[in-house]
């Protein structure tokens, strides 16, 4: 309960910039983008196995990793994840992909 209040803010506003909140927002992003990630049965049925994970946070700079197969180009996935995360955690200045 307390973590939920901290995560959403007292007024239901955007998330604070914490590792736990960022992980939660990435999970939320995967849940809402049911045409992109392998955690959805419809995607998995056609071989989409894509996933996104948090790699690092350095102040307002975030590094993520994409793994698995995507239908969309990776830059499209990065853009959609970036838009979602930035809307929920406005403190983030940049989201980059981990070097393979």
PDB file of N, CA and C in Angstrom:
ATOM      1  N   UNK A   1       0.827  -1.187   0.000  1.00  0.00           N
ATOM      2  CA  UNK A   1       0.000   0.000   0.000  1.00  0.00           C
ATOM      3  C   UNK A   1       0.872   1.250   0.000  1.00  0.00           C
ATOM      4  N   UNK A   2       1.857   1.311   0.891  1.00  0.00           N
ATOM      5  CA  UNK A   2       2.741   2.470   0.932  1.00  0.00           C
ATOM      6  C   UNK A   2       3.532   2.589  -0.362  1.00  0.00           C
ATOM      7  N   UNK A   3       3.983   1.461  -0.917  1.00  0.00           N
ATOM      8  CA  UNK A   3       4.746   1.524  -2.163  1.00  0.00           C
ATOM      9  C   UNK A   3       3.859   1.988  -3.315  1.00  0.00           C
ATOM     10  N   UNK A   4       2.582   1.652  -3.267  1.00  0.00           N
ATOM     11  CA  UNK A   4       1.667   2.106  -4.300  1.00  0.00           C
ATOM     12  C   UNK A   4       1.502   3.619  -4.232  1.00  0.00           C
ATOM     13  N   UNK A   5       1.367   4.172  -3.035  1.00  0.00           N
ATOM     14  CA  UNK A   5       1.249   5.616  -2.892  1.00  0.00           C
ATOM     15  C   UNK A   5       2.509   6.312  -3.373  1.00  0.00           C
ATOM     16  N   UNK A   6       3.663   5.758  -3.042  1.00  0.00           N
ATOM     17  CA  UNK A   6       4.919   6.357  -3.479  1.00  0.00           C
ATOM     18  C   UNK A   6       5.053   6.249  -4.995  1.00  0.00           C
ATOM     19  N   UNK A   7       4.588   5.143  -5.540  1.00  0.00           N
ATOM     20  CA  UNK A   7       4.737   4.913  -6.960  1.00  0.00           C
ATOM     21  C   UNK A   7       3.861   5.871  -7.763  1.00  0.00           C
ATOM     22  N   UNK A   8       2.624   6.044  -7.359  1.00  0.00           N
ATOM     23  CA  UNK A   8       1.706   6.870  -8.113  1.00  0.00           C
ATOM     24  C   UNK A   8       1.668   8.311  -7.638  1.00  0.00           C
ATOM     25  N   UNK A   9       2.273   8.588  -6.496  1.00  0.00           N
ATOM     26  CA  UNK A   9       2.192   9.925  -5.931  1.00  0.00           C
ATOM     27  C   UNK A   9       0.870  10.074  -5.210  1.00  0.00           C
ATOM     28  N   UNK A  10       0.835  10.955  -4.255  1.00  0.00           N
ATOM     29  CA  UNK A  10      -0.364  11.127  -3.442  1.00  0.00           C
ATOM     30  C   UNK A  10      -1.548  11.555  -4.291  1.00  0.00           C
ATOM     31  N   UNK A  11      -1.307  12.378  -5.317  1.00  0.00           N
ATOM     32  CA  UNK A  11      -2.399  12.878  -6.144  1.00  0.00           C
ATOM     33  C   UNK A  11      -2.650  12.041  -7.398  1.00  0.00           C
ATOM     34  N   UNK A  12      -2.010  10.859  -7.488  1.00  0.00           N
ATOM     35  CA  UNK A  12      -2.189  10.018  -8.666  1.00  0.00           C
ATOM     36  C   UNK A  12      -1.391  10.502  -9.859  1.00  0.00           C
ATOM     37  N   UNK A  13      -0.460  11.388  -9.624  1.00  0.00           N
ATOM     38  CA  UNK A  13       0.349  11.967 -10.699  1.00  0.00           C
ATOM     39  C   UNK A  13       1.399  11.003 -11.210  1.00  0.00           C
ATOM     40  N   UNK A  14       2.404  11.508 -11.935  1.00  0.00           N
ATOM     41  CA  UNK A  14       3.443  10.652 -12.512  1.00  0.00           C
ATOM     42  C   UNK A  14       4.311   9.989 -11.452  1.00  0.00           C
ATOM     43  N   UNK A  15       5.023   8.954 -11.883  1.00  0.00           N
ATOM     44  CA  UNK A  15       5.921   8.229 -10.987  1.00  0.00           C
ATOM     45  C   UNK A  15       7.127   9.076 -10.624  1.00  0.00           C
ATOM     46  N   UNK A  16       7.652   8.847  -9.431  1.00  0.00           N
ATOM     47  CA  UNK A  16       8.950   9.388  -9.048  1.00  0.00           C
ATOM     48  C   UNK A  16      10.028   8.553  -9.731  1.00  0.00           C
ATOM     49  N   UNK A  17      11.206   9.113  -9.918  1.00  0.00           N
ATOM     50  CA  UNK A  17      12.310   8.431 -10.592  1.00  0.00           C
ATOM     51  C   UNK A  17      13.040   7.526  -9.612  1.00  0.00           C
ATOM     52  N   UNK A  18      12.601   6.258  -9.574  1.00  0.00           N
ATOM     53  CA  UNK A  18      13.276   5.247  -8.771  1.00  0.00           C
ATOM     54  C   UNK A  18      13.407   3.985  -9.620  1.00  0.00           C
ATOM     55  N   UNK A  19      14.328   3.118  -9.239  1.00  0.00           N
ATOM     56  CA  UNK A  19      14.506   1.872  -9.980  1.00  0.00           C
ATOM     57  C   UNK A  19      13.231   1.039  -9.951  1.00  0.00           C
ATOM     58  N   UNK A  20      12.618   0.917  -8.788  1.00  0.00           N
ATOM     59  CA  UNK A  20      11.391   0.132  -8.671  1.00  0.00           C
ATOM     60  C   UNK A  20      10.265   0.675  -9.528  1.00  0.00           C
ATOM     61  N   UNK A  21      10.118   2.005  -9.547  1.00  0.00           N
ATOM     62  CA  UNK A  21       9.075   2.612 -10.366  1.00  0.00           C
ATOM     63  C   UNK A  21       9.353   2.422 -11.846  1.00  0.00           C
ATOM     64  N   UNK A  22      10.616   2.522 -12.226  1.00  0.00           N
ATOM     65  CA  UNK A  22      10.961   2.330 -13.635  1.00  0.00           C
ATOM     66  C   UNK A  22      10.666   0.903 -14.083  1.00  0.00           C
ATOM     67  N   UNK A  23      10.983  -0.054 -13.246  1.00  0.00           N
ATOM     68  CA  UNK A  23      10.660  -1.451 -13.563  1.00  0.00           C
ATOM     69  C   UNK A  23       9.143  -1.627 -13.689  1.00  0.00           C
ATOM     70  N   UNK A  24       8.392  -1.018 -12.779  1.00  0.00           N
ATOM     71  CA  UNK A  24       6.927  -1.102 -12.842  1.00  0.00           C
ATOM     72  C   UNK A  24       6.377  -0.468 -14.112  1.00  0.00           C
ATOM     73  N   UNK A  25       6.943   0.665 -14.514  1.00  0.00           N
ATOM     74  CA  UNK A  25       6.489   1.345 -15.727  1.00  0.00           C
ATOM     75  C   UNK A  25       6.826   0.515 -16.962  1.00  0.00           C
ATOM     76  N   UNK A  26       7.980  -0.142 -16.976  1.00  0.00           N
ATOM     77  CA  UNK A  26       8.310  -1.032 -18.102  1.00  0.00           C
ATOM     78  C   UNK A  26       7.326  -2.197 -18.171  1.00  0.00           C
ATOM     79  N   UNK A  27       6.959  -2.747 -17.032  1.00  0.00           N
ATOM     80  CA  UNK A  27       5.959  -3.830 -17.010  1.00  0.00           C
ATOM     81  C   UNK A  27       4.613  -3.322 -17.512  1.00  0.00           C
ATOM     82  N   UNK A  28       4.236  -2.124 -17.090  1.00  0.00           N
ATOM     83  CA  UNK A  28       2.997  -1.500 -17.550  1.00  0.00           C
ATOM     84  C   UNK A  28       3.040  -1.297 -19.067  1.00  0.00           C
ATOM     85  N   UNK A  29       4.182  -0.862 -19.578  1.00  0.00           N
ATOM     86  CA  UNK A  29       4.360  -0.654 -21.010  1.00  0.00           C
ATOM     87  C   UNK A  29       4.161  -1.966 -21.767  1.00  0.00           C
ATOM     88  N   UNK A  30       4.753  -3.042 -21.262  1.00  0.00           N
ATOM     89  CA  UNK A  30       4.583  -4.344 -21.917  1.00  0.00           C
ATOM     90  C   UNK A  30       3.125  -4.769 -21.913  1.00  0.00           C
ATOM     91  N   UNK A  31       2.444  -4.545 -20.796  1.00  0.00           N
ATOM     92  CA  UNK A  31       1.040  -4.943 -20.691  1.00  0.00           C
ATOM     93  C   UNK A  31       0.159  -4.151 -21.651  1.00  0.00           C
ATOM     94  N   UNK A  32       0.449  -2.871 -21.834  1.00  0.00           N
ATOM     95  CA  UNK A  32      -0.388  -2.017 -22.672  1.00  0.00           C
ATOM     96  C   UNK A  32      -0.083  -2.148 -24.166  1.00  0.00           C
ATOM     97  N   UNK A  33       1.091  -2.593 -24.504  1.00  0.00           N
ATOM     98  CA  UNK A  33       1.470  -2.753 -25.918  1.00  0.00           C
ATOM     99  C   UNK A  33       1.345  -4.216 -26.322  1.00  0.00           C
ATOM    100  N   UNK A  34       0.108  -4.657 -26.458  1.00  0.00           N
ATOM    101  CA  UNK A  34      -0.147  -6.078 -26.676  1.00  0.00           C
ATOM    102  C   UNK A  34       0.155  -6.546 -28.091  1.00  0.00           C
ATOM    103  N   UNK A  35       0.670  -5.654 -28.937  1.00  0.00           N
ATOM    104  CA  UNK A  35       1.061  -6.048 -30.285  1.00  0.00           C
ATOM    105  C   UNK A  35       2.579  -6.105 -30.453  1.00  0.00           C
ATOM    106  N   UNK A  36       3.307  -5.982 -29.337  1.00  0.00           N
ATOM    107  CA  UNK A  36       4.744  -5.814 -29.453  1.00  0.00           C
ATOM    108  C   UNK A  36       5.566  -6.822 -28.651  1.00  0.00           C
ATOM    109  N   UNK A  37       5.078  -7.281 -27.548  1.00  0.00           N
ATOM    110  CA  UNK A  37       5.892  -8.095 -26.641  1.00  0.00           C
ATOM    111  C   UNK A  37       5.400  -9.537 -26.548  1.00  0.00           C
ATOM    112  N   UNK A  38       6.338 -10.452 -26.335  1.00  0.00           N
ATOM    113  CA  UNK A  38       6.051 -11.883 -26.302  1.00  0.00           C
ATOM    114  C   UNK A  38       5.286 -12.361 -25.087  1.00  0.00           C
ATOM    115  N   UNK A  39       4.987 -11.474 -24.144  1.00  0.00           N
ATOM    116  CA  UNK A  39       4.235 -11.879 -22.954  1.00  0.00           C
ATOM    117  C   UNK A  39       2.737 -12.003 -23.248  1.00  0.00           C
ATOM    118  N   UNK A  40       2.339 -11.645 -24.457  1.00  0.00           N
ATOM    119  CA  UNK A  40       0.930 -11.732 -24.845  1.00  0.00           C
ATOM    120  C   UNK A  40       0.722 -12.962 -25.733  1.00  0.00           C
ATOM    121  N   UNK A  41      -0.297 -13.761 -25.450  1.00  0.00           N
ATOM    122  CA  UNK A  41      -0.509 -15.000 -26.200  1.00  0.00           C
ATOM    123  C   UNK A  41      -0.592 -14.801 -27.712  1.00  0.00           C
ATOM    124  N   UNK A  42      -1.272 -13.769 -28.162  1.00  0.00           N
ATOM    125  CA  UNK A  42      -1.427 -13.526 -29.609  1.00  0.00           C
ATOM    126  C   UNK A  42      -0.066 -13.320 -30.264  1.00  0.00           C
ATOM    127  N   UNK A  43       0.816 -12.589 -29.595  1.00  0.00           N
ATOM    128  CA  UNK A  43       2.169 -12.364 -30.133  1.00  0.00           C
ATOM    129  C   UNK A  43       2.984 -13.659 -30.100  1.00  0.00           C
ATOM    130  N   UNK A  44       2.911 -14.346 -28.975  1.00  0.00           N
ATOM    131  CA  UNK A  44       3.689 -15.572 -28.821  1.00  0.00           C
ATOM    132  C   UNK A  44       3.301 -16.615 -29.877  1.00  0.00           C
ATOM    133  N   UNK A  45       2.030 -16.656 -30.243  1.00  0.00           N
ATOM    134  CA  UNK A  45       1.556 -17.613 -31.248  1.00  0.00           C
ATOM    135  C   UNK A  45       2.225 -17.425 -32.603  1.00  0.00           C
ATOM    136  N   UNK A  46       2.648 -16.206 -32.910  1.00  0.00           N
ATOM    137  CA  UNK A  46       3.273 -15.958 -34.215  1.00  0.00           C
ATOM    138  C   UNK A  46       4.786 -15.749 -34.090  1.00  0.00           C
ATOM    139  N   UNK A  47       5.347 -16.140 -32.962  1.00  0.00           N
ATOM    140  CA  UNK A  47       6.794 -16.137 -32.802  1.00  0.00           C
ATOM    141  C   UNK A  47       7.408 -14.873 -32.251  1.00  0.00           C
ATOM    142  N   UNK A  48       6.576 -13.935 -31.799  1.00  0.00           N
ATOM    143  CA  UNK A  48       7.124 -12.728 -31.175  1.00  0.00           C
ATOM    144  C   UNK A  48       7.489 -13.079 -29.734  1.00  0.00           C
ATOM    145  N   UNK A  49       8.750 -12.911 -29.408  1.00  0.00           N
ATOM    146  CA  UNK A  49       9.235 -13.253 -28.066  1.00  0.00           C
ATOM    147  C   UNK A  49       9.865 -12.046 -27.380  1.00  0.00           C
ATOM    148  N   UNK A  50       9.703 -10.858 -27.956  1.00  0.00           N
ATOM    149  CA  UNK A  50      10.375  -9.651 -27.486  1.00  0.00           C
ATOM    150  C   UNK A  50      10.100  -9.301 -26.039  1.00  0.00           C
ATOM    151  N   UNK A  51      11.133  -8.754 -25.407  1.00  0.00           N
ATOM    152  CA  UNK A  51      11.045  -8.324 -24.012  1.00  0.00           C
ATOM    153  C   UNK A  51      11.916  -7.084 -23.839  1.00  0.00           C
ATOM    154  N   UNK A  52      11.641  -6.311 -22.808  1.00  0.00           N
ATOM    155  CA  UNK A  52      12.431  -5.134 -22.464  1.00  0.00           C
ATOM    156  C   UNK A  52      12.792  -5.213 -20.988  1.00  0.00           C
ATOM    157  N   UNK A  53      14.040  -4.884 -20.673  1.00  0.00           N
ATOM    158  CA  UNK A  53      14.519  -4.921 -19.291  1.00  0.00           C
ATOM    159  C   UNK A  53      15.327  -3.667 -18.989  1.00  0.00           C
ATOM    160  N   UNK A  54      15.289  -3.274 -17.736  1.00  0.00           N
ATOM    161  CA  UNK A  54      16.107  -2.167 -17.267  1.00  0.00           C
ATOM    162  C   UNK A  54      17.536  -2.644 -17.093  1.00  0.00           C
ATOM    163  N   UNK A  55      18.496  -1.875 -17.605  1.00  0.00           N
ATOM    164  CA  UNK A  55      19.912  -2.200 -17.471  1.00  0.00           C
ATOM    165  C   UNK A  55      20.577  -1.272 -16.462  1.00  0.00           C
ATOM    166  N   UNK A  56      20.330   0.043 -16.599  1.00  0.00           N
ATOM    167  CA  UNK A  56      21.049   0.994 -15.761  1.00  0.00           C
ATOM    168  C   UNK A  56      20.293   2.311 -15.672  1.00  0.00           C
ATOM    169  N   UNK A  57      20.481   2.993 -14.556  1.00  0.00           N
ATOM    170  CA  UNK A  57      19.971   4.346 -14.364  1.00  0.00           C
ATOM    171  C   UNK A  57      21.150   5.193 -13.896  1.00  0.00           C
ATOM    172  N   UNK A  58      21.405   6.261 -14.609  1.00  0.00           N
ATOM    173  CA  UNK A  58      22.427   7.226 -14.194  1.00  0.00           C
ATOM    174  C   UNK A  58      21.774   8.597 -14.202  1.00  0.00           C
ATOM    175  N   UNK A  59      21.269   9.007 -13.050  1.00  0.00           N
ATOM    176  CA  UNK A  59      20.528  10.264 -12.976  1.00  0.00           C
ATOM    177  C   UNK A  59      19.303  10.171 -13.864  1.00  0.00           C
ATOM    178  N   UNK A  60      19.133  11.135 -14.787  1.00  0.00           N
ATOM    179  CA  UNK A  60      17.958  11.116 -15.664  1.00  0.00           C
ATOM    180  C   UNK A  60      18.158  10.312 -16.949  1.00  0.00           C
ATOM    181  N   UNK A  61      19.253   9.549 -17.017  1.00  0.00           N
ATOM    182  CA  UNK A  61      19.566   8.750 -18.207  1.00  0.00           C
ATOM    183  C   UNK A  61      19.342   7.279 -17.904  1.00  0.00           C
ATOM    184  N   UNK A  62      18.575   6.620 -18.765  1.00  0.00           N
ATOM    185  CA  UNK A  62      18.179   5.235 -18.544  1.00  0.00           C
ATOM    186  C   UNK A  62      18.669   4.380 -19.710  1.00  0.00           C
ATOM    187  N   UNK A  63      19.202   3.212 -19.392  1.00  0.00           N
ATOM    188  CA  UNK A  63      19.597   2.246 -20.418  1.00  0.00           C
ATOM    189  C   UNK A  63      18.707   1.021 -20.277  1.00  0.00           C
ATOM    190  N   UNK A  64      18.149   0.584 -21.409  1.00  0.00           N
ATOM    191  CA  UNK A  64      17.320  -0.612 -21.428  1.00  0.00           C
ATOM    192  C   UNK A  64      17.927  -1.621 -22.393  1.00  0.00           C
ATOM    193  N   UNK A  65      17.482  -2.866 -22.270  1.00  0.00           N
ATOM    194  CA  UNK A  65      17.886  -3.922 -23.194  1.00  0.00           C
ATOM    195  C   UNK A  65      16.630  -4.505 -23.828  1.00  0.00           C
ATOM    196  N   UNK A  66      16.720  -4.751 -25.116  1.00  0.00           N
ATOM    197  CA  UNK A  66      15.662  -5.461 -25.826  1.00  0.00           C
ATOM    198  C   UNK A  66      16.188  -6.851 -26.143  1.00  0.00           C
ATOM    199  N   UNK A  67      15.363  -7.853 -25.905  1.00  0.00           N
ATOM    200  CA  UNK A  67      15.765  -9.222 -26.207  1.00  0.00           C
ATOM    201  C   UNK A  67      14.622  -9.933 -26.919  1.00  0.00           C
ATOM    202  N   UNK A  68      14.956 -11.000 -27.592  1.00  0.00           N
ATOM    203  CA  UNK A  68      13.943 -11.779 -28.298  1.00  0.00           C
ATOM    204  C   UNK A  68      13.616 -11.218 -29.664  1.00  0.00           C
ATOM    205  N   UNK A  69      12.556 -11.765 -30.255  1.00  0.00           N
ATOM    206  CA  UNK A  69      12.138 -11.384 -31.607  1.00  0.00           C
ATOM    207  C   UNK A  69      10.966 -10.416 -31.528  1.00  0.00           C
ATOM    208  N   UNK A  70      11.033  -9.381 -32.367  1.00  0.00           N
ATOM    209  CA  UNK A  70       9.964  -8.392 -32.466  1.00  0.00           C
ATOM    210  C   UNK A  70       9.437  -8.372 -33.890  1.00  0.00           C
ATOM    211  N   UNK A  71       8.182  -8.015 -34.044  1.00  0.00           N
ATOM    212  CA  UNK A  71       7.614  -7.784 -35.366  1.00  0.00           C
ATOM    213  C   UNK A  71       8.068  -6.406 -35.849  1.00  0.00           C
ATOM    214  N   UNK A  72       8.080  -5.448 -34.934  1.00  0.00           N
ATOM    215  CA  UNK A  72       8.466  -4.072 -35.247  1.00  0.00           C
ATOM    216  C   UNK A  72       9.986  -3.939 -35.282  1.00  0.00           C
ATOM    217  N   UNK A  73      10.464  -2.898 -35.973  1.00  0.00           N
ATOM    218  CA  UNK A  73      11.887  -2.588 -35.938  1.00  0.00           C
ATOM    219  C   UNK A  73      12.254  -2.190 -34.514  1.00  0.00           C
ATOM    220  N   UNK A  74      13.480  -2.490 -34.118  1.00  0.00           N
ATOM    221  CA  UNK A  74      13.912  -2.172 -32.751  1.00  0.00           C
ATOM    222  C   UNK A  74      13.811  -0.681 -32.453  1.00  0.00           C
ATOM    223  N   UNK A  75      14.081   0.167 -33.430  1.00  0.00           N
ATOM    224  CA  UNK A  75      13.976   1.608 -33.163  1.00  0.00           C
ATOM    225  C   UNK A  75      12.527   2.001 -32.902  1.00  0.00           C
ATOM    226  N   UNK A  76      11.571   1.299 -33.520  1.00  0.00           N
ATOM    227  CA  UNK A  76      10.152   1.551 -33.248  1.00  0.00           C
ATOM    228  C   UNK A  76       9.810   1.126 -31.826  1.00  0.00           C
ATOM    229  N   UNK A  77      10.308  -0.032 -31.423  1.00  0.00           N
ATOM    230  CA  UNK A  77      10.078  -0.512 -30.050  1.00  0.00           C
ATOM    231  C   UNK A  77      10.687   0.471 -29.060  1.00  0.00           C
ATOM    232  N   UNK A  78      11.933   0.896 -29.308  1.00  0.00           N
ATOM    233  CA  UNK A  78      12.595   1.857 -28.425  1.00  0.00           C
ATOM    234  C   UNK A  78      11.788   3.143 -28.334  1.00  0.00           C
ATOM    235  N   UNK A  79      11.295   3.628 -29.470  1.00  0.00           N
ATOM    236  CA  UNK A  79      10.509   4.862 -29.473  1.00  0.00           C
ATOM    237  C   UNK A  79       9.234   4.705 -28.638  1.00  0.00           C
ATOM    238  N   UNK A  80       8.504   3.615 -28.854  1.00  0.00           N
ATOM    239  CA  UNK A  80       7.243   3.417 -28.122  1.00  0.00           C
ATOM    240  C   UNK A  80       7.478   3.234 -26.638  1.00  0.00           C
ATOM    241  N   UNK A  81       8.521   2.500 -26.274  1.00  0.00           N
ATOM    242  CA  UNK A  81       8.869   2.343 -24.856  1.00  0.00           C
ATOM    243  C   UNK A  81       9.266   3.706 -24.292  1.00  0.00           C
ATOM    244  N   UNK A  82      10.075   4.448 -25.044  1.00  0.00           N
ATOM    245  CA  UNK A  82      10.526   5.754 -24.587  1.00  0.00           C
ATOM    246  C   UNK A  82       9.389   6.725 -24.342  1.00  0.00           C
ATOM    247  N   UNK A  83       8.439   6.767 -25.251  1.00  0.00           N
ATOM    248  CA  UNK A  83       7.284   7.652 -25.088  1.00  0.00           C
ATOM    249  C   UNK A  83       6.499   7.265 -23.839  1.00  0.00           C
ATOM    250  N   UNK A  84       6.227   5.981 -23.687  1.00  0.00           N
ATOM    251  CA  UNK A  84       5.451   5.513 -22.538  1.00  0.00           C
ATOM    252  C   UNK A  84       6.154   5.849 -21.225  1.00  0.00           C
ATOM    253  N   UNK A  85       7.428   5.496 -21.139  1.00  0.00           N
ATOM    254  CA  UNK A  85       8.180   5.702 -19.907  1.00  0.00           C
ATOM    255  C   UNK A  85       8.314   7.195 -19.592  1.00  0.00           C
ATOM    256  N   UNK A  86       8.597   8.004 -20.601  1.00  0.00           N
ATOM    257  CA  UNK A  86       8.772   9.441 -20.383  1.00  0.00           C
ATOM    258  C   UNK A  86       7.479  10.114 -19.934  1.00  0.00           C
ATOM    259  N   UNK A  87       6.348   9.629 -20.408  1.00  0.00           N
ATOM    260  CA  UNK A  87       5.068  10.177 -19.959  1.00  0.00           C
ATOM    261  C   UNK A  87       4.811   9.847 -18.492  1.00  0.00           C
ATOM    262  N   UNK A  88       5.236   8.686 -18.067  1.00  0.00           N
ATOM    263  CA  UNK A  88       4.987   8.246 -16.686  1.00  0.00           C
ATOM    264  C   UNK A  88       6.050   8.753 -15.717  1.00  0.00           C
ATOM    265  N   UNK A  89       7.289   8.952 -16.206  1.00  0.00           N
ATOM    266  CA  UNK A  89       8.387   9.441 -15.362  1.00  0.00           C
ATOM    267  C   UNK A  89       9.030  10.616 -16.104  1.00  0.00           C
ATOM    268  N   UNK A  90       8.476  11.811 -15.959  1.00  0.00           N
ATOM    269  CA  UNK A  90       8.946  12.960 -16.736  1.00  0.00           C
ATOM    270  C   UNK A  90      10.388  13.377 -16.449  1.00  0.00           C
ATOM    271  N   UNK A  91      10.963  12.933 -15.347  1.00  0.00           N
ATOM    272  CA  UNK A  91      12.353  13.279 -15.015  1.00  0.00           C
ATOM    273  C   UNK A  91      13.361  12.676 -15.990  1.00  0.00           C
ATOM    274  N   UNK A  92      12.958  11.636 -16.714  1.00  0.00           N
ATOM    275  CA  UNK A  92      13.878  10.955 -17.630  1.00  0.00           C
ATOM    276  C   UNK A  92      14.167  11.865 -18.821  1.00  0.00           C
ATOM    277  N   UNK A  93      15.452  12.043 -19.096  1.00  0.00           N
ATOM    278  CA  UNK A  93      15.887  12.867 -20.222  1.00  0.00           C
ATOM    279  C   UNK A  93      16.142  12.016 -21.454  1.00  0.00           C
ATOM    280  N   UNK A  94      16.712  10.820 -21.245  1.00  0.00           N
ATOM    281  CA  UNK A  94      17.092  10.001 -22.399  1.00  0.00           C
ATOM    282  C   UNK A  94      17.003   8.523 -22.040  1.00  0.00           C
ATOM    283  N   UNK A  95      16.514   7.749 -23.008  1.00  0.00           N
ATOM    284  CA  UNK A  95      16.493   6.290 -22.890  1.00  0.00           C
ATOM    285  C   UNK A  95      17.288   5.740 -24.051  1.00  0.00           C
ATOM    286  N   UNK A  96      18.300   4.941 -23.742  1.00  0.00           N
ATOM    287  CA  UNK A  96      19.137   4.366 -24.780  1.00  0.00           C
ATOM    288  C   UNK A  96      19.126   2.843 -24.669  1.00  0.00           C
ATOM    289  N   UNK A  97      19.506   2.206 -25.779  1.00  0.00           N
ATOM    290  CA  UNK A  97      19.633   0.742 -25.795  1.00  0.00           C
ATOM    291  C   UNK A  97      21.023   0.332 -25.369  1.00  0.00           C
ATOM    292  N   UNK A  98      21.092  -0.727 -24.615  1.00  0.00           N
ATOM    293  CA  UNK A  98      22.379  -1.324 -24.243  1.00  0.00           C
ATOM    294  C   UNK A  98      23.082  -1.804 -25.499  1.00  0.00           C
ATOM    295  N   UNK A  99      24.383  -1.617 -25.563  1.00  0.00           N
ATOM    296  CA  UNK A  99      25.161  -2.152 -26.682  1.00  0.00           C
ATOM    297  C   UNK A  99      25.090  -3.665 -26.641  1.00  0.00           C
ATOM    298  N   UNK A 100      24.850  -4.307 -27.796  1.00  0.00           N
ATOM    299  CA  UNK A 100      24.744  -5.772 -27.805  1.00  0.00           C
ATOM    300  C   UNK A 100      26.043  -6.461 -27.469  1.00  0.00           C
TER     301      UNK A 100
END
